[in-house]
C-alpha atoms as a PDB file:
ATOM      1  CA  MET A   1       0.000   0.000   0.000  1.00  0.00           C
ATOM      2  CA  THR A   2       1.175   3.480  -0.765  1.00  0.00           C
ATOM      3  CA  ALA A   3       0.141   6.377   1.463  1.00  0.00           C
ATOM      4  CA  THR A   4       0.725  10.097   1.276  1.00  0.00           C
ATOM      5  CA  VAL A   5       1.605  11.902   4.487  1.00  0.00           C
ATOM      6  CA  ARG A   6       1.569  15.667   4.820  1.00  0.00           C
ATOM      7  CA  LEU A   7       4.097  17.032   7.284  1.00  0.00           C
ATOM      8  CA  ASN A   8       4.736  20.543   8.453  1.00  0.00           C
ATOM      9  CA  LYS A   9       8.255  21.997   8.142  1.00  0.00           C
ATOM     10  CA  HIS A  10       9.322  20.940  11.645  1.00  0.00           C
ATOM     11  CA  GLN A  11       8.070  17.371  11.142  1.00  0.00           C
ATOM     12  CA  SER A  12       9.703  17.166   7.732  1.00  0.00           C
ATOM     13  CA  ASP A  13      13.030  18.421   9.107  1.00  0.00           C
ATOM     14  CA  THR A  14      12.834  15.954  11.985  1.00  0.00           C
ATOM     15  CA  LEU A  15      12.164  13.072   9.613  1.00  0.00           C
ATOM     16  CA  GLU A  16      15.062  14.144   7.385  1.00  0.00           C
ATOM     17  CA  ARG A  17      17.433  14.311  10.384  1.00  0.00           C
ATOM     18  CA  LEU A  18      16.317  10.914  11.661  1.00  0.00           C
ATOM     19  CA  ALA A  19      16.777   9.337   8.250  1.00  0.00           C
ATOM     20  CA  ALA A  20      20.273  10.780   7.948  1.00  0.00           C
ATOM     21  CA  THR A  21      21.263   9.943  11.525  1.00  0.00           C
ATOM     22  CA  LEU A  22      19.966   6.382  11.379  1.00  0.00           C
ATOM     23  CA  ASN A  23      20.955   5.861   7.742  1.00  0.00           C
ATOM     24  CA  ARG A  24      17.451   4.577   7.017  1.00  0.00           C
ATOM     25  CA  GLN A  25      14.751   5.436   4.547  1.00  0.00           C
ATOM     26  CA  LYS A  26      12.080   7.871   5.647  1.00  0.00           C
ATOM     27  CA  SER A  27       9.401   5.288   4.895  1.00  0.00           C
ATOM     28  CA  GLU A  28      11.079   2.829   7.300  1.00  0.00           C
ATOM     29  CA  ILE A  29      11.075   5.426  10.053  1.00  0.00           C
ATOM     30  CA  LEU A  30       7.405   6.201   9.470  1.00  0.00           C
ATOM     31  CA  ARG A  31       6.476   2.499   9.486  1.00  0.00           C
ATOM     32  CA  ASP A  32       8.379   2.028  12.766  1.00  0.00           C
ATOM     33  CA  ALA A  33       6.695   5.096  14.240  1.00  0.00           C
ATOM     34  CA  LEU A  34       3.275   3.733  13.298  1.00  0.00           C
ATOM     35  CA  ALA A  35       4.088   0.320  14.809  1.00  0.00           C
ATOM     36  CA  PHE A  36       5.360   1.984  17.999  1.00  0.00           C
ATOM     37  CA  TYR A  37       2.249   4.147  18.287  1.00  0.00           C
ATOM     38  CA  ALA A  38      -0.097   1.200  17.716  1.00  0.00           C
ATOM     39  CA  SER A  39       1.766  -0.856  20.336  1.00  0.00           C
ATOM     40  CA  ARG A  40       1.597   1.998  22.834  1.00  0.00           C
ATOM     41  CA  ILE A  41      -2.148   2.411  22.324  1.00  0.00           C
ATOM     42  CA  GLU A  42      -2.682  -1.342  22.757  1.00  0.00           C
ATOM     43  CA  ASN A  43      -0.566  -1.382  25.929  1.00  0.00           C
ATOM     44  CA  GLU A  44      -2.484   1.564  27.389  1.00  0.00           C
ATOM     45  CA  LYS A  45      -5.786  -0.153  26.580  1.00  0.00           C
ATOM     46  CA  THR A  46      -4.596  -3.348  28.254  1.00  0.00           C
ATOM     47  CA  HIS A  47      -3.472  -1.380  31.311  1.00  0.00           C
ATOM     48  CA  ARG A  48      -6.875   0.349  31.603  1.00  0.00           C
ATOM     49  CA  ILE A  49      -8.662  -3.006  31.352  1.00  0.00           C
ATOM     50  CA  GLN A  50      -6.407  -4.537  34.015  1.00  0.00           C
ATOM     51  CA  LYS A  51      -7.033  -1.558  36.276  1.00  0.00           C
ATOM     52  CA  ALA A  52     -10.813  -1.908  35.819  1.00  0.00           C
ATOM     53  CA  VAL A  53     -10.654  -5.639  36.564  1.00  0.00           C
ATOM     54  CA  GLN A  54      -8.662  -4.976  39.742  1.00  0.00           C
ATOM     55  CA  LYS A  55     -11.126  -2.304  40.857  1.00  0.00           C
ATOM     56  CA  THR A  56     -14.052  -4.667  40.254  1.00  0.00           C
ATOM     57  CA  TYR A  57     -12.267  -7.468  42.104  1.00  0.00           C
ATOM     58  CA  GLN A  58     -11.687  -5.235  45.122  1.00  0.00           C
ATOM     59  CA  ALA A  59     -15.327  -4.108  45.180  1.00  0.00           C
ATOM     60  CA  ASP A  60     -16.539  -7.716  44.894  1.00  0.00           C
ATOM     61  CA  LYS A  61     -14.139  -8.810  47.640  1.00  0.00           C
ATOM     62  CA  GLN A  62     -15.473  -6.107  49.955  1.00  0.00           C
ATOM     63  CA  ILE A  63     -19.064  -7.280  49.362  1.00  0.00           C
ATOM     64  CA  HIS A  64     -18.001 -10.901  49.834  1.00  0.00           C
ATOM     65  CA  ASP A  65     -16.247 -10.080  53.120  1.00  0.00           C
ATOM     66  CA  GLU A  66     -19.312  -8.211  54.398  1.00  0.00           C
ATOM     67  CA  ILE A  67     -21.595 -11.126  53.552  1.00  0.00           C
ATOM     68  CA  ALA A  68     -19.179 -13.647  55.059  1.00  0.00           C
ATOM     69  CA  GLY A  69     -19.001 -11.549  58.223  1.00  0.00           C
ATOM     70  CA  THR A  70     -22.788 -11.505  58.465  1.00  0.00           C
ATOM     71  CA  ILE A  71     -22.967 -15.274  57.983  1.00  0.00           C
ATOM     72  CA  HIS A  72     -20.330 -15.822  60.675  1.00  0.00           C
ATOM     73  CA  ASP A  73     -22.360 -13.611  63.026  1.00  0.00           C
ATOM     74  CA  GLY A  74     -25.058 -16.256  62.906  1.00  0.00           C
ATOM     75  CA  LEU A  75     -27.531 -14.500  60.652  1.00  0.00           C
END
């Protein structure tokens, strides 16, 4: 697939410098940047899901402990 990307002057200069510094093609750098960004988004999504699961677990544990305490009180 071929894609056209419009960059402002600063972005274009940065890409040029990276290509020269790394001795790589600009398209390689852009593909790597896209892969890095996609991975970061996926990792953040996974982290948010794990945080939500932990929060739910803690809330469920609190309810469970309250019910268990009531049962142990002989009710």
